Amino acid sequence: MLAATGGVLFKMDLMTNIIFIVASFALGWIVLAKRDSLAPNLRRGLALASIVLIAFSFFLIVFSLFQMGSS
């Protein structure tokens, strides 16, 4: 299986990662900028979703740096 994929078990698309990273940081920024005008229940849910997406974005950044270093 690895030989058929060129020895790469998990190949990532760079543009997809960049779009996801920009979108997740934009959502976090919007939640911070509009926190006074959001309802408390909605604000809490959006804040948790933003934290999860931004944490996954940092994982993608670190993972892509490791992938660049290994090739």
C-alpha atoms as a PDB file:
ATOM      1  CA  MET A   1       0.000   0.000   0.000  1.00  0.00           C
ATOM      2  CA  LEU A   2       2.772   2.440   0.835  1.00  0.00           C
ATOM      3  CA  ALA A   3       4.669   1.557  -2.332  1.00  0.00           C
ATOM      4  CA  ALA A   4       1.625   2.412  -4.450  1.00  0.00           C
ATOM      5  CA  THR A   5       1.398   5.879  -2.890  1.00  0.00           C
ATOM      6  CA  GLY A   6       5.087   6.642  -3.235  1.00  0.00           C
ATOM      7  CA  GLY A   7       5.899   5.834   0.390  1.00  0.00           C
ATOM      8  CA  VAL A   8       3.680   8.592   1.748  1.00  0.00           C
ATOM      9  CA  LEU A   9       0.986   7.398   4.102  1.00  0.00           C
ATOM     10  CA  PHE A  10      -0.730  10.777   4.471  1.00  0.00           C
ATOM     11  CA  LYS A  11      -0.353  13.447   1.799  1.00  0.00           C
ATOM     12  CA  MET A  12      -1.788  16.884   2.468  1.00  0.00           C
ATOM     13  CA  ASP A  13      -2.932  19.499  -0.016  1.00  0.00           C
ATOM     14  CA  LEU A  14      -1.235  22.808   0.794  1.00  0.00           C
ATOM     15  CA  MET A  15      -3.972  25.125  -0.491  1.00  0.00           C
ATOM     16  CA  THR A  16      -6.663  23.266   1.428  1.00  0.00           C
ATOM     17  CA  ASN A  17      -4.655  23.678   4.630  1.00  0.00           C
ATOM     18  CA  ILE A  18      -4.063  27.380   3.996  1.00  0.00           C
ATOM     19  CA  ILE A  19      -7.769  28.001   3.370  1.00  0.00           C
ATOM     20  CA  PHE A  20      -8.716  26.100   6.544  1.00  0.00           C
ATOM     21  CA  ILE A  21      -6.126  27.958   8.642  1.00  0.00           C
ATOM     22  CA  VAL A  22      -7.234  31.376   7.388  1.00  0.00           C
ATOM     23  CA  ALA A  23     -10.907  30.517   7.875  1.00  0.00           C
ATOM     24  CA  SER A  24     -10.418  29.234  11.427  1.00  0.00           C
ATOM     25  CA  PHE A  25      -8.388  32.278  12.493  1.00  0.00           C
ATOM     26  CA  ALA A  26     -10.974  34.555  10.842  1.00  0.00           C
ATOM     27  CA  LEU A  27     -13.757  32.856  12.809  1.00  0.00           C
ATOM     28  CA  GLY A  28     -11.792  33.341  16.022  1.00  0.00           C
ATOM     29  CA  TRP A  29     -11.216  36.996  15.220  1.00  0.00           C
ATOM     30  CA  ILE A  30     -14.907  37.566  14.412  1.00  0.00           C
ATOM     31  CA  VAL A  31     -15.995  35.908  17.659  1.00  0.00           C
ATOM     32  CA  LEU A  32     -13.592  38.140  19.603  1.00  0.00           C
ATOM     33  CA  ALA A  33     -14.616  41.287  17.741  1.00  0.00           C
ATOM     34  CA  LYS A  34     -18.371  40.678  18.087  1.00  0.00           C
ATOM     35  CA  ARG A  35     -18.461  39.082  21.536  1.00  0.00           C
ATOM     36  CA  ASP A  36     -20.601  41.861  23.011  1.00  0.00           C
ATOM     37  CA  SER A  37     -23.346  41.546  20.400  1.00  0.00           C
ATOM     38  CA  LEU A  38     -23.656  37.720  20.493  1.00  0.00           C
ATOM     39  CA  ALA A  39     -26.098  35.899  22.739  1.00  0.00           C
ATOM     40  CA  PRO A  40     -24.328  34.173  25.685  1.00  0.00           C
ATOM     41  CA  ASN A  41     -25.243  30.623  24.600  1.00  0.00           C
ATOM     42  CA  LEU A  42     -24.218  31.272  21.005  1.00  0.00           C
ATOM     43  CA  ARG A  43     -21.050  33.040  22.138  1.00  0.00           C
ATOM     44  CA  ARG A  44     -19.965  30.094  24.265  1.00  0.00           C
ATOM     45  CA  GLY A  45     -20.559  27.586  21.471  1.00  0.00           C
ATOM     46  CA  LEU A  46     -18.782  29.683  18.862  1.00  0.00           C
ATOM     47  CA  ALA A  47     -15.863  30.283  21.211  1.00  0.00           C
ATOM     48  CA  LEU A  48     -15.447  26.550  21.839  1.00  0.00           C
ATOM     49  CA  ALA A  49     -15.693  25.786  18.124  1.00  0.00           C
ATOM     50  CA  SER A  50     -13.123  28.494  17.379  1.00  0.00           C
ATOM     51  CA  ILE A  51     -10.714  27.119  19.973  1.00  0.00           C
ATOM     52  CA  VAL A  52     -10.988  23.615  18.517  1.00  0.00           C
ATOM     53  CA  LEU A  53     -10.514  24.825  14.940  1.00  0.00           C
ATOM     54  CA  ILE A  54      -7.564  27.063  15.833  1.00  0.00           C
ATOM     55  CA  ALA A  55      -5.897  24.237  17.777  1.00  0.00           C
ATOM     56  CA  PHE A  56      -6.318  21.953  14.767  1.00  0.00           C
ATOM     57  CA  SER A  57      -4.869  24.716  12.577  1.00  0.00           C
ATOM     58  CA  PHE A  58      -1.752  24.815  14.735  1.00  0.00           C
ATOM     59  CA  PHE A  59      -1.518  21.038  14.425  1.00  0.00           C
ATOM     60  CA  LEU A  60      -1.729  21.354  10.632  1.00  0.00           C
ATOM     61  CA  ILE A  61       1.001  24.001  10.616  1.00  0.00           C
ATOM     62  CA  VAL A  62       3.359  21.877  12.712  1.00  0.00           C
ATOM     63  CA  PHE A  63       2.532  18.723  10.760  1.00  0.00           C
ATOM     64  CA  SER A  64       3.175  20.423   7.418  1.00  0.00           C
ATOM     65  CA  LEU A  65       6.516  21.729   8.717  1.00  0.00           C
ATOM     66  CA  PHE A  66       7.501  18.168   9.680  1.00  0.00           C
ATOM     67  CA  GLN A  67       6.398  16.957   6.252  1.00  0.00           C
ATOM     68  CA  MET A  68       8.535  19.601   4.522  1.00  0.00           C
ATOM     69  CA  GLY A  69      11.518  18.613   6.616  1.00  0.00           C
ATOM     70  CA  SER A  70      11.196  14.926   5.813  1.00  0.00           C
ATOM     71  CA  SER A  71      11.074  15.294   2.030  1.00  0.00           C
END
